[in-house]
C-alpha atoms as a PDB file:
ATOM      1  CA  MET A   1      -9.405 -26.132 -42.723  1.00  0.00           C
ATOM      2  CA  ARG A   2     -12.855 -24.451 -42.158  1.00  0.00           C
ATOM      3  CA  LEU A   3     -13.020 -21.192 -40.745  1.00  0.00           C
ATOM      4  CA  CYS A   4     -15.655 -18.408 -39.505  1.00  0.00           C
ATOM      5  CA  VAL A   5     -14.707 -15.179 -39.643  1.00  0.00           C
ATOM      6  CA  ALA A   6     -17.168 -12.777 -37.014  1.00  0.00           C
ATOM      7  CA  GLY A   7     -17.602  -9.352 -37.919  1.00  0.00           C
ATOM      8  CA  ALA A   8     -17.270 -10.259 -41.394  1.00  0.00           C
ATOM      9  CA  TYR A   9     -18.719  -6.977 -43.095  1.00  0.00           C
ATOM     10  CA  GLY A  10     -16.559  -4.739 -41.182  1.00  0.00           C
ATOM     11  CA  ALA A  11     -13.456  -2.940 -42.418  1.00  0.00           C
ATOM     12  CA  PHE A  12     -11.128  -5.664 -41.161  1.00  0.00           C
ATOM     13  CA  GLY A  13     -13.407  -8.736 -41.765  1.00  0.00           C
ATOM     14  CA  ILE A  14     -13.287  -7.923 -45.035  1.00  0.00           C
ATOM     15  CA  LYS A  15      -9.759  -7.848 -45.099  1.00  0.00           C
ATOM     16  CA  HIS A  16      -9.811 -11.434 -43.727  1.00  0.00           C
ATOM     17  CA  LEU A  17     -11.928 -12.572 -45.957  1.00  0.00           C
ATOM     18  CA  GLU A  18      -9.794 -11.292 -48.769  1.00  0.00           C
ATOM     19  CA  ALA A  19      -6.825 -12.633 -46.959  1.00  0.00           C
ATOM     20  CA  LEU A  20      -7.981 -16.390 -46.399  1.00  0.00           C
ATOM     21  CA  SER A  21      -9.149 -16.374 -50.342  1.00  0.00           C
ATOM     22  CA  ALA A  22      -5.151 -15.969 -51.346  1.00  0.00           C
ATOM     23  CA  ILE A  23      -4.722 -19.368 -48.892  1.00  0.00           C
ATOM     24  CA  ASP A  24      -4.852 -22.893 -50.190  1.00  0.00           C
ATOM     25  CA  GLU A  25      -6.922 -25.494 -48.383  1.00  0.00           C
ATOM     26  CA  VAL A  26      -8.997 -23.106 -46.435  1.00  0.00           C
ATOM     27  CA  THR A  27     -12.618 -22.513 -46.860  1.00  0.00           C
ATOM     28  CA  VAL A  28     -14.499 -19.967 -45.403  1.00  0.00           C
ATOM     29  CA  THR A  29     -17.449 -21.874 -44.169  1.00  0.00           C
ATOM     30  CA  ALA A  30     -19.400 -19.007 -41.996  1.00  0.00           C
ATOM     31  CA  VAL A  31     -19.620 -15.670 -41.542  1.00  0.00           C
ATOM     32  CA  MET A  32     -21.343 -13.691 -38.331  1.00  0.00           C
ATOM     33  CA  GLY A  33     -22.201  -9.893 -38.162  1.00  0.00           C
ATOM     34  CA  PRO A  34     -25.027  -8.043 -36.069  1.00  0.00           C
ATOM     35  CA  ALA A  35     -27.493  -7.525 -39.154  1.00  0.00           C
ATOM     36  CA  GLN A  36     -29.007 -10.338 -41.050  1.00  0.00           C
ATOM     37  CA  ALA A  37     -29.931  -8.904 -44.177  1.00  0.00           C
ATOM     38  CA  LYS A  38     -26.013  -7.451 -44.562  1.00  0.00           C
ATOM     39  CA  ILE A  39     -24.345 -10.826 -43.391  1.00  0.00           C
ATOM     40  CA  ASP A  40     -26.456 -12.620 -45.650  1.00  0.00           C
ATOM     41  CA  ALA A  41     -25.750 -10.500 -48.814  1.00  0.00           C
ATOM     42  CA  LEU A  42     -21.995 -11.219 -47.951  1.00  0.00           C
ATOM     43  CA  ALA A  43     -22.567 -15.061 -47.285  1.00  0.00           C
ATOM     44  CA  HIS A  44     -24.260 -14.671 -50.765  1.00  0.00           C
ATOM     45  CA  GLU A  45     -21.663 -12.515 -52.698  1.00  0.00           C
ATOM     46  CA  ARG A  46     -18.970 -14.916 -51.448  1.00  0.00           C
ATOM     47  CA  GLY A  47     -20.541 -17.962 -51.833  1.00  0.00           C
ATOM     48  CA  ILE A  48     -20.420 -18.360 -48.365  1.00  0.00           C
ATOM     49  CA  GLY A  49     -22.955 -21.509 -47.068  1.00  0.00           C
ATOM     50  CA  PHE A  50     -23.647 -19.992 -43.684  1.00  0.00           C
ATOM     51  CA  ALA A  51     -24.493 -16.618 -41.939  1.00  0.00           C
ATOM     52  CA  SER A  52     -25.731 -15.632 -38.925  1.00  0.00           C
ATOM     53  CA  THR A  53     -26.153 -13.090 -36.408  1.00  0.00           C
ATOM     54  CA  SER A  54     -25.304 -15.432 -33.681  1.00  0.00           C
ATOM     55  CA  LEU A  55     -21.957 -16.489 -32.710  1.00  0.00           C
ATOM     56  CA  ASP A  56     -23.421 -19.332 -30.694  1.00  0.00           C
ATOM     57  CA  ALA A  57     -24.850 -20.859 -34.035  1.00  0.00           C
ATOM     58  CA  CYS A  58     -21.254 -20.564 -35.692  1.00  0.00           C
ATOM     59  CA  LEU A  59     -19.712 -22.257 -33.174  1.00  0.00           C
ATOM     60  CA  ALA A  60     -22.295 -24.804 -33.000  1.00  0.00           C
ATOM     61  CA  ARG A  61     -21.410 -25.951 -36.703  1.00  0.00           C
ATOM     62  CA  ASP A  62     -19.144 -29.199 -37.123  1.00  0.00           C
ATOM     63  CA  ASP A  63     -18.157 -27.188 -40.675  1.00  0.00           C
ATOM     64  CA  VAL A  64     -16.298 -24.593 -38.167  1.00  0.00           C
ATOM     65  CA  ASP A  65     -12.755 -25.525 -37.307  1.00  0.00           C
ATOM     66  CA  ALA A  66     -11.854 -21.977 -36.370  1.00  0.00           C
ATOM     67  CA  LEU A  67     -12.635 -18.537 -36.048  1.00  0.00           C
ATOM     68  CA  ILE A  68     -11.620 -15.231 -36.646  1.00  0.00           C
ATOM     69  CA  LEU A  69     -12.958 -12.591 -34.653  1.00  0.00           C
ATOM     70  CA  ALA A  70     -12.975  -8.981 -36.682  1.00  0.00           C
ATOM     71  CA  THR A  71     -16.074  -7.963 -34.060  1.00  0.00           C
ATOM     72  CA  PRO A  72     -16.046  -4.508 -31.881  1.00  0.00           C
ATOM     73  CA  THR A  73     -13.156  -4.762 -28.946  1.00  0.00           C
ATOM     74  CA  GLN A  74     -15.399  -4.590 -26.046  1.00  0.00           C
ATOM     75  CA  LEU A  75     -16.813  -8.278 -27.257  1.00  0.00           C
ATOM     76  CA  HIS A  76     -13.460  -9.930 -27.568  1.00  0.00           C
ATOM     77  CA  ALA A  77     -12.992 -11.507 -24.057  1.00  0.00           C
ATOM     78  CA  GLU A  78     -16.272 -12.822 -24.145  1.00  0.00           C
ATOM     79  CA  GLN A  79     -16.550 -13.764 -27.639  1.00  0.00           C
ATOM     80  CA  ALA A  80     -13.012 -15.353 -26.951  1.00  0.00           C
ATOM     81  CA  PHE A  81     -13.894 -17.516 -23.874  1.00  0.00           C
ATOM     82  CA  ALA A  82     -16.917 -18.811 -25.463  1.00  0.00           C
ATOM     83  CA  CYS A  83     -14.263 -19.902 -28.754  1.00  0.00           C
ATOM     84  CA  MET A  84     -11.704 -21.578 -26.297  1.00  0.00           C
ATOM     85  CA  ARG A  85     -14.688 -23.258 -24.598  1.00  0.00           C
ATOM     86  CA  ALA A  86     -16.248 -24.525 -27.635  1.00  0.00           C
ATOM     87  CA  GLY A  87     -13.052 -26.072 -28.659  1.00  0.00           C
ATOM     88  CA  LYS A  88     -12.642 -23.770 -31.077  1.00  0.00           C
ATOM     89  CA  PRO A  89      -8.838 -22.196 -31.999  1.00  0.00           C
ATOM     90  CA  VAL A  90      -9.498 -18.309 -32.411  1.00  0.00           C
ATOM     91  CA  LEU A  91      -7.423 -15.192 -33.590  1.00  0.00           C
ATOM     92  CA  ILE A  92      -8.751 -11.975 -32.044  1.00  0.00           C
ATOM     93  CA  GLU A  93      -8.498  -8.748 -33.925  1.00  0.00           C
ATOM     94  CA  ILE A  94      -6.233  -6.644 -32.195  1.00  0.00           C
ATOM     95  CA  PRO A  95      -6.601  -5.994 -29.069  1.00  0.00           C
ATOM     96  CA  MET A  96      -7.676  -9.058 -27.873  1.00  0.00           C
ATOM     97  CA  ALA A  97      -9.084  -7.026 -24.901  1.00  0.00           C
ATOM     98  CA  ASP A  98      -9.573  -3.503 -23.745  1.00  0.00           C
ATOM     99  CA  SER A  99      -8.101  -4.358 -20.254  1.00  0.00           C
ATOM    100  CA  LEU A 100      -5.271  -5.761 -18.941  1.00  0.00           C
ATOM    101  CA  ALA A 101      -8.147  -7.831 -16.372  1.00  0.00           C
ATOM    102  CA  ASP A 102      -9.743  -9.176 -19.274  1.00  0.00           C
ATOM    103  CA  SER A 103      -6.403 -10.243 -20.945  1.00  0.00           C
ATOM    104  CA  GLU A 104      -5.113 -11.989 -17.978  1.00  0.00           C
ATOM    105  CA  GLU A 105      -8.578 -13.918 -17.912  1.00  0.00           C
ATOM    106  CA  ILE A 106      -8.458 -14.761 -22.108  1.00  0.00           C
ATOM    107  CA  CYS A 107      -4.702 -16.164 -21.450  1.00  0.00           C
ATOM    108  CA  ARG A 108      -6.450 -17.500 -18.232  1.00  0.00           C
ATOM    109  CA  VAL A 109      -8.970 -19.916 -20.502  1.00  0.00           C
ATOM    110  CA  GLN A 110      -6.450 -20.614 -22.818  1.00  0.00           C
ATOM    111  CA  LYS A 111      -4.528 -22.690 -20.393  1.00  0.00           C
ATOM    112  CA  GLU A 112      -7.861 -24.010 -18.731  1.00  0.00           C
ATOM    113  CA  THR A 113      -9.306 -25.043 -22.486  1.00  0.00           C
ATOM    114  CA  GLY A 114      -5.766 -26.224 -24.224  1.00  0.00           C
ATOM    115  CA  VAL A 115      -7.230 -24.399 -27.255  1.00  0.00           C
ATOM    116  CA  PRO A 116      -4.862 -22.160 -29.599  1.00  0.00           C
ATOM    117  CA  ALA A 117      -5.945 -18.669 -29.014  1.00  0.00           C
ATOM    118  CA  MET A 118      -3.749 -16.091 -31.229  1.00  0.00           C
ATOM    119  CA  ALA A 119      -4.217 -12.281 -30.817  1.00  0.00           C
ATOM    120  CA  GLY A 120      -4.351  -9.942 -33.779  1.00  0.00           C
ATOM    121  CA  GLN A 121      -0.140  -8.229 -33.993  1.00  0.00           C
ATOM    122  CA  VAL A 122      -0.359  -7.652 -37.490  1.00  0.00           C
ATOM    123  CA  ARG A 123       2.830  -5.476 -37.031  1.00  0.00           C
ATOM    124  CA  ARG A 124       5.062  -8.783 -36.379  1.00  0.00           C
ATOM    125  CA  PHE A 125       3.959 -10.007 -39.626  1.00  0.00           C
ATOM    126  CA  ASN A 126       4.153  -6.904 -41.796  1.00  0.00           C
ATOM    127  CA  PRO A 127       6.763  -7.648 -44.384  1.00  0.00           C
ATOM    128  CA  SER A 128       8.458  -4.623 -43.706  1.00  0.00           C
ATOM    129  CA  HIS A 129       8.443  -5.174 -40.093  1.00  0.00           C
ATOM    130  CA  GLN A 130       9.643  -8.740 -40.712  1.00  0.00           C
ATOM    131  CA  TRP A 131      13.018  -7.388 -42.523  1.00  0.00           C
ATOM    132  CA  ILE A 132      14.075  -5.371 -39.588  1.00  0.00           C
ATOM    133  CA  HIS A 133      13.217  -8.304 -37.026  1.00  0.00           C
ATOM    134  CA  ASN A 134      15.073 -10.600 -39.490  1.00  0.00           C
ATOM    135  CA  ARG A 135      18.362  -8.404 -39.488  1.00  0.00           C
ATOM    136  CA  ILE A 136      18.003  -7.728 -35.450  1.00  0.00           C
ATOM    137  CA  VAL A 137      18.045 -11.689 -34.802  1.00  0.00           C
ATOM    138  CA  ALA A 138      21.405 -12.155 -37.360  1.00  0.00           C
ATOM    139  CA  GLY A 139      23.063  -8.960 -35.259  1.00  0.00           C
ATOM    140  CA  GLU A 140      22.991  -6.920 -37.852  1.00  0.00           C
ATOM    141  CA  LEU A 141      20.878  -4.302 -36.101  1.00  0.00           C
ATOM    142  CA  THR A 142      19.981  -2.831 -33.228  1.00  0.00           C
ATOM    143  CA  ILE A 143      17.578  -0.247 -32.467  1.00  0.00           C
ATOM    144  CA  GLN A 144      18.574   3.015 -30.744  1.00  0.00           C
ATOM    145  CA  GLN A 145      14.919   4.903 -31.140  1.00  0.00           C
ATOM    146  CA  MET A 146      11.492   3.840 -32.837  1.00  0.00           C
ATOM    147  CA  ASP A 147       9.722   7.201 -33.632  1.00  0.00           C
ATOM    148  CA  VAL A 148       6.170   6.553 -34.385  1.00  0.00           C
ATOM    149  CA  GLN A 149       3.037   8.605 -35.924  1.00  0.00           C
ATOM    150  CA  THR A 150      -0.224   7.033 -35.748  1.00  0.00           C
ATOM    151  CA  TYR A 151      -2.747   9.587 -37.597  1.00  0.00           C
ATOM    152  CA  PHE A 152      -6.056   9.204 -38.285  1.00  0.00           C
ATOM    153  CA  PHE A 153      -9.142  11.763 -39.100  1.00  0.00           C
ATOM    154  CA  ARG A 154     -11.960  10.673 -36.775  1.00  0.00           C
ATOM    155  CA  ARG A 155     -14.246  13.381 -34.970  1.00  0.00           C
ATOM    156  CA  THR A 156     -17.527  11.053 -35.569  1.00  0.00           C
ATOM    157  CA  ASN A 157     -17.345   7.489 -34.757  1.00  0.00           C
ATOM    158  CA  MET A 158     -16.425   6.255 -38.227  1.00  0.00           C
ATOM    159  CA  ASN A 159     -14.546   2.790 -38.728  1.00  0.00           C
ATOM    160  CA  ALA A 160     -11.620   2.735 -41.477  1.00  0.00           C
ATOM    161  CA  LYS A 161     -14.343   2.397 -44.602  1.00  0.00           C
ATOM    162  CA  GLY A 162     -15.872   5.856 -43.355  1.00  0.00           C
ATOM    163  CA  GLU A 163     -19.293   3.748 -42.201  1.00  0.00           C
ATOM    164  CA  PRO A 164     -21.011   4.753 -39.020  1.00  0.00           C
ATOM    165  CA  ARG A 165     -19.482   2.519 -35.738  1.00  0.00           C
ATOM    166  CA  SER A 166     -21.506   0.801 -33.469  1.00  0.00           C
ATOM    167  CA  TRP A 167     -18.641   1.051 -30.706  1.00  0.00           C
ATOM    168  CA  THR A 168     -15.847   3.798 -30.074  1.00  0.00           C
ATOM    169  CA  ASP A 169     -12.516   3.326 -31.188  1.00  0.00           C
ATOM    170  CA  HIS A 170      -9.478   3.859 -28.631  1.00  0.00           C
ATOM    171  CA  LEU A 171      -6.391   5.255 -29.245  1.00  0.00           C
ATOM    172  CA  LEU A 172      -4.030   3.745 -26.210  1.00  0.00           C
ATOM    173  CA  TRP A 173      -6.320   0.253 -26.248  1.00  0.00           C
ATOM    174  CA  HIS A 174      -5.972  -0.408 -30.079  1.00  0.00           C
ATOM    175  CA  HIS A 175      -3.863   1.737 -31.954  1.00  0.00           C
ATOM    176  CA  ALA A 176      -1.464   2.243 -29.561  1.00  0.00           C
ATOM    177  CA  CYS A 177      -1.380  -1.638 -28.667  1.00  0.00           C
ATOM    178  CA  HIS A 178       0.853  -2.414 -32.176  1.00  0.00           C
ATOM    179  CA  THR A 179       3.148  -0.149 -31.417  1.00  0.00           C
ATOM    180  CA  VAL A 180       3.613  -1.329 -28.102  1.00  0.00           C
ATOM    181  CA  ASP A 181       4.012  -4.741 -29.078  1.00  0.00           C
ATOM    182  CA  LEU A 182       6.343  -4.386 -31.967  1.00  0.00           C
ATOM    183  CA  PHE A 183       8.493  -1.755 -29.565  1.00  0.00           C
ATOM    184  CA  GLN A 184       9.247  -5.312 -27.219  1.00  0.00           C
ATOM    185  CA  TYR A 185       8.710  -7.717 -29.795  1.00  0.00           C
ATOM    186  CA  GLN A 186      11.365  -5.999 -31.706  1.00  0.00           C
ATOM    187  CA  THR A 187      14.075  -5.040 -28.823  1.00  0.00           C
ATOM    188  CA  GLY A 188      13.517  -8.232 -27.000  1.00  0.00           C
ATOM    189  CA  GLU A 189      12.598  -6.370 -23.786  1.00  0.00           C
ATOM    190  CA  VAL A 190       9.822  -5.399 -21.776  1.00  0.00           C
ATOM    191  CA  ALA A 191       9.773  -1.578 -21.403  1.00  0.00           C
ATOM    192  CA  SER A 192      11.066  -1.184 -18.074  1.00  0.00           C
ATOM    193  CA  GLU A 193      10.066   2.923 -18.195  1.00  0.00           C
ATOM    194  CA  VAL A 194       6.733   4.305 -19.748  1.00  0.00           C
ATOM    195  CA  TYR A 195       4.579   7.639 -19.510  1.00  0.00           C
ATOM    196  CA  GLY A 196       1.977   8.497 -20.999  1.00  0.00           C
ATOM    197  CA  LEU A 197       0.068  11.873 -21.731  1.00  0.00           C
ATOM    198  CA  GLU A 198      -3.207  13.270 -23.315  1.00  0.00           C
ATOM    199  CA  GLY A 199      -5.652  15.517 -24.547  1.00  0.00           C
ATOM    200  CA  PRO A 200      -9.016  16.964 -23.956  1.00  0.00           C
ATOM    201  CA  PRO A 201     -11.750  14.145 -24.115  1.00  0.00           C
ATOM    202  CA  HIS A 202     -13.828  14.444 -27.218  1.00  0.00           C
ATOM    203  CA  PRO A 203     -17.114  15.941 -25.763  1.00  0.00           C
ATOM    204  CA  GLU A 204     -19.506  12.907 -27.340  1.00  0.00           C
ATOM    205  CA  LEU A 205     -17.266  10.261 -27.698  1.00  0.00           C
ATOM    206  CA  GLY A 206     -15.345  10.903 -24.116  1.00  0.00           C
ATOM    207  CA  ILE A 207     -12.089   9.513 -25.484  1.00  0.00           C
ATOM    208  CA  ALA A 208      -8.840  11.197 -26.045  1.00  0.00           C
ATOM    209  CA  MET A 209      -8.556  12.806 -29.316  1.00  0.00           C
ATOM    210  CA  ASP A 210      -4.538  13.356 -29.016  1.00  0.00           C
ATOM    211  CA  MET A 211      -1.765  11.484 -26.993  1.00  0.00           C
ATOM    212  CA  SER A 212       1.780  10.988 -26.446  1.00  0.00           C
ATOM    213  CA  ILE A 213       3.533   7.878 -25.270  1.00  0.00           C
ATOM    214  CA  GLY A 214       7.170   7.296 -24.110  1.00  0.00           C
ATOM    215  CA  MET A 215       8.874   4.155 -23.269  1.00  0.00           C
ATOM    216  CA  LYS A 216      12.442   2.626 -22.760  1.00  0.00           C
ATOM    217  CA  THR A 217      13.578  -0.943 -22.375  1.00  0.00           C
ATOM    218  CA  PRO A 218      16.429  -1.798 -19.949  1.00  0.00           C
ATOM    219  CA  SER A 219      18.908  -1.590 -22.270  1.00  0.00           C
ATOM    220  CA  GLY A 220      18.268   1.879 -23.334  1.00  0.00           C
ATOM    221  CA  ALA A 221      16.401   1.803 -26.451  1.00  0.00           C
ATOM    222  CA  ILE A 222      13.628   4.164 -26.383  1.00  0.00           C
ATOM    223  CA  CYS A 223      10.359   4.784 -28.653  1.00  0.00           C
ATOM    224  CA  THR A 224       7.988   7.740 -28.921  1.00  0.00           C
ATOM    225  CA  LEU A 225       4.642   7.200 -29.983  1.00  0.00           C
ATOM    226  CA  SER A 226       2.470  10.214 -31.116  1.00  0.00           C
ATOM    227  CA  LEU A 227      -1.164   9.652 -32.011  1.00  0.00           C
ATOM    228  CA  SER A 228      -4.259  11.455 -33.003  1.00  0.00           C
ATOM    229  CA  PHE A 229      -7.520  11.060 -34.376  1.00  0.00           C
ATOM    230  CA  ASN A 230      -7.571  15.078 -34.950  1.00  0.00           C
ATOM    231  CA  ASN A 231      -4.631  14.803 -38.331  1.00  0.00           C
ATOM    232  CA  ASP A 232      -6.413  15.865 -41.742  1.00  0.00           C
ATOM    233  CA  GLY A 233      -3.785  14.376 -43.663  1.00  0.00           C
ATOM    234  CA  PRO A 234      -2.290  10.987 -44.659  1.00  0.00           C
ATOM    235  CA  PHE A 235      -3.615   8.625 -42.101  1.00  0.00           C
ATOM    236  CA  GLY A 236      -2.182   5.478 -41.245  1.00  0.00           C
ATOM    237  CA  THR A 237       0.824   4.584 -38.753  1.00  0.00           C
ATOM    238  CA  PHE A 238       4.416   5.551 -39.808  1.00  0.00           C
ATOM    239  CA  PHE A 239       7.521   4.054 -38.193  1.00  0.00           C
ATOM    240  CA  ARG A 240      11.236   5.222 -38.171  1.00  0.00           C
ATOM    241  CA  TYR A 241      14.094   2.895 -36.780  1.00  0.00           C
ATOM    242  CA  ILE A 242      16.712   4.389 -35.910  1.00  0.00           C
ATOM    243  CA  CYS A 243      19.538   1.979 -35.706  1.00  0.00           C
ATOM    244  CA  ASP A 244      23.327   1.578 -34.919  1.00  0.00           C
ATOM    245  CA  ASN A 245      23.615   0.414 -38.710  1.00  0.00           C
ATOM    246  CA  GLY A 246      20.951   2.459 -40.575  1.00  0.00           C
ATOM    247  CA  THR A 247      17.740   4.500 -40.492  1.00  0.00           C
ATOM    248  CA  TYR A 248      14.269   2.630 -41.544  1.00  0.00           C
ATOM    249  CA  ILE A 249      10.858   3.982 -42.244  1.00  0.00           C
ATOM    250  CA  ALA A 250       7.905   1.257 -42.515  1.00  0.00           C
ATOM    251  CA  ARG A 251       4.837   2.221 -43.908  1.00  0.00           C
ATOM    252  CA  TYR A 252       2.851  -0.671 -43.296  1.00  0.00           C
ATOM    253  CA  ASP A 253       3.947  -3.810 -45.978  1.00  0.00           C
ATOM    254  CA  ASP A 254       6.568  -1.306 -47.240  1.00  0.00           C
ATOM    255  CA  LEU A 255       9.702  -0.119 -45.901  1.00  0.00           C
ATOM    256  CA  TYR A 256      12.799   2.559 -47.067  1.00  0.00           C
ATOM    257  CA  ASP A 257      15.680   3.369 -46.061  1.00  0.00           C
ATOM    258  CA  GLY A 258      16.844   6.999 -44.073  1.00  0.00           C
ATOM    259  CA  ARG A 259      16.801   8.662 -47.715  1.00  0.00           C
ATOM    260  CA  GLU A 260      13.730   7.246 -48.572  1.00  0.00           C
ATOM    261  CA  ASN A 261      14.779   4.613 -51.277  1.00  0.00           C
ATOM    262  CA  ARG A 262      12.543   1.677 -51.296  1.00  0.00           C
ATOM    263  CA  ILE A 263      13.904  -1.766 -49.652  1.00  0.00           C
ATOM    264  CA  ASP A 264      13.180  -4.923 -51.989  1.00  0.00           C
ATOM    265  CA  LEU A 265      10.680  -7.083 -49.763  1.00  0.00           C
ATOM    266  CA  SER A 266      10.216  -9.776 -52.030  1.00  0.00           C
ATOM    267  CA  ASP A 267      12.466 -12.394 -50.179  1.00  0.00           C
ATOM    268  CA  VAL A 268      11.006 -11.726 -47.079  1.00  0.00           C
ATOM    269  CA  ALA A 269       7.865 -13.759 -46.685  1.00  0.00           C
ATOM    270  CA  VAL A 270       4.935 -15.947 -49.649  1.00  0.00           C
ATOM    271  CA  SER A 271       3.069 -12.388 -49.548  1.00  0.00           C
ATOM    272  CA  ASN A 272       3.587  -8.842 -48.692  1.00  0.00           C
ATOM    273  CA  ASN A 273       0.077  -8.880 -47.209  1.00  0.00           C
ATOM    274  CA  GLY A 274       0.332  -8.487 -43.147  1.00  0.00           C
ATOM    275  CA  ILE A 275      -3.223  -9.801 -42.964  1.00  0.00           C
ATOM    276  CA  GLU A 276      -2.668 -12.398 -45.283  1.00  0.00           C
ATOM    277  CA  LEU A 277       0.519 -13.516 -43.272  1.00  0.00           C
ATOM    278  CA  ILE A 278      -0.618 -13.310 -39.817  1.00  0.00           C
ATOM    279  CA  ASP A 279      -3.534 -15.703 -41.196  1.00  0.00           C
ATOM    280  CA  ARG A 280      -1.192 -17.928 -42.507  1.00  0.00           C
ATOM    281  CA  GLU A 281       0.624 -18.163 -39.252  1.00  0.00           C
ATOM    282  CA  PHE A 282      -2.540 -18.924 -37.105  1.00  0.00           C
ATOM    283  CA  ILE A 283      -3.724 -21.757 -39.298  1.00  0.00           C
ATOM    284  CA  SER A 284       0.151 -23.021 -39.583  1.00  0.00           C
ATOM    285  CA  ALA A 285       0.092 -23.239 -35.671  1.00  0.00           C
ATOM    286  CA  ILE A 286      -3.197 -25.267 -35.314  1.00  0.00           C
ATOM    287  CA  ASN A 287      -1.656 -27.661 -38.086  1.00  0.00           C
ATOM    288  CA  GLU A 288       1.188 -27.890 -36.674  1.00  0.00           C
ATOM    289  CA  GLY A 289       0.111 -28.322 -32.656  1.00  0.00           C
ATOM    290  CA  ARG A 290       2.452 -25.560 -31.584  1.00  0.00           C
ATOM    291  CA  GLU A 291       2.031 -22.090 -29.760  1.00  0.00           C
ATOM    292  CA  PRO A 292       1.465 -19.423 -32.600  1.00  0.00           C
ATOM    293  CA  ASN A 293       3.902 -16.365 -33.238  1.00  0.00           C
ATOM    294  CA  GLY A 294       1.544 -13.708 -31.598  1.00  0.00           C
ATOM    295  CA  SER A 295      -0.607 -16.116 -28.786  1.00  0.00           C
ATOM    296  CA  VAL A 296      -1.851 -14.370 -26.300  1.00  0.00           C
ATOM    297  CA  HIS A 297       0.579 -15.232 -23.771  1.00  0.00           C
ATOM    298  CA  ASP A 298       2.993 -14.007 -25.923  1.00  0.00           C
ATOM    299  CA  THR A 299       1.625 -10.447 -26.586  1.00  0.00           C
ATOM    300  CA  LEU A 300       0.216 -10.256 -22.595  1.00  0.00           C
ATOM    301  CA  SER A 301       3.178  -8.005 -21.507  1.00  0.00           C
ATOM    302  CA  ALA A 302       2.408  -5.572 -23.845  1.00  0.00           C
ATOM    303  CA  MET A 303      -1.268  -5.317 -22.231  1.00  0.00           C
ATOM    304  CA  ARG A 304       0.656  -4.658 -19.129  1.00  0.00           C
ATOM    305  CA  THR A 305       2.793  -2.048 -20.617  1.00  0.00           C
ATOM    306  CA  LEU A 306      -0.434  -0.383 -21.891  1.00  0.00           C
ATOM    307  CA  ASP A 307      -2.111  -0.768 -18.051  1.00  0.00           C
ATOM    308  CA  ARG A 308       0.795   1.289 -16.915  1.00  0.00           C
ATOM    309  CA  ILE A 309       0.601   4.006 -19.663  1.00  0.00           C
ATOM    310  CA  GLU A 310      -3.087   4.328 -18.551  1.00  0.00           C
ATOM    311  CA  LYS A 311      -2.178   4.608 -15.113  1.00  0.00           C
ATOM    312  CA  SER A 312       0.525   7.222 -15.801  1.00  0.00           C
ATOM    313  CA  PHE A 313      -2.326   9.190 -17.434  1.00  0.00           C
ATOM    314  CA  SER A 314      -3.657  10.455 -13.886  1.00  0.00           C
END
């Protein structure tokens, strides 16, 4: 399969390029980014044959079978429409859009075109969360509470590489999206009760820098999520699963029990890299002609829950 990575020299574009290099029978034939000199340099460094600032130019190529969009969130919906209408399967980095209306329109266009479209809900694929999910499915665990902390120090508009960002990130529609989808995926339920609290907006960025979210499922599982761009300390997202049969702490692709003993995840998947695993699922689903785990339809319920949380702010 021949892929184009759009937004290729951003923090997550690079992660996808590295992940794809570990997958057999996959070739990145095109990359796209907003600055020609930078995207040319990246293509030259990695031996990629085509580089452009135009998504349309990439879509027009016969040697592009599918695309990964690691572009600014505000572009996701329009770019996803273009990919599907060009007949090219698309993996849209999280979040698929920054509104429920755009998310629903992505799903409508997918049904209209029949072209595979997947949302980048990578937490489903991190080996740590897969280990938990497998035991839930086997009837060995039931979640009673998820306690989650998502912390960054971003008082200026910087990306995960510490470089200036051309767009503004969002605690709710990006970072909370990970946990909202994961909570509903792990419990197998859509949250029946939700609330959200947000702190004061940043004077220049115009976004809330601190946020608290609560969710409860019909069966009684609860999730407490704290988010901040003001945290001067270790950054990332840390999950505590409090279950009927054990407590587990997930830090990206690593998992520990409640007493900080590392759990062996070597038999969970073919890789310990969640980005590689989600890319593998995208490619396998296309090859097998099936809907991927994490399709835009499968993850739409998370976007609906985010919309309900946003409405609870006012």
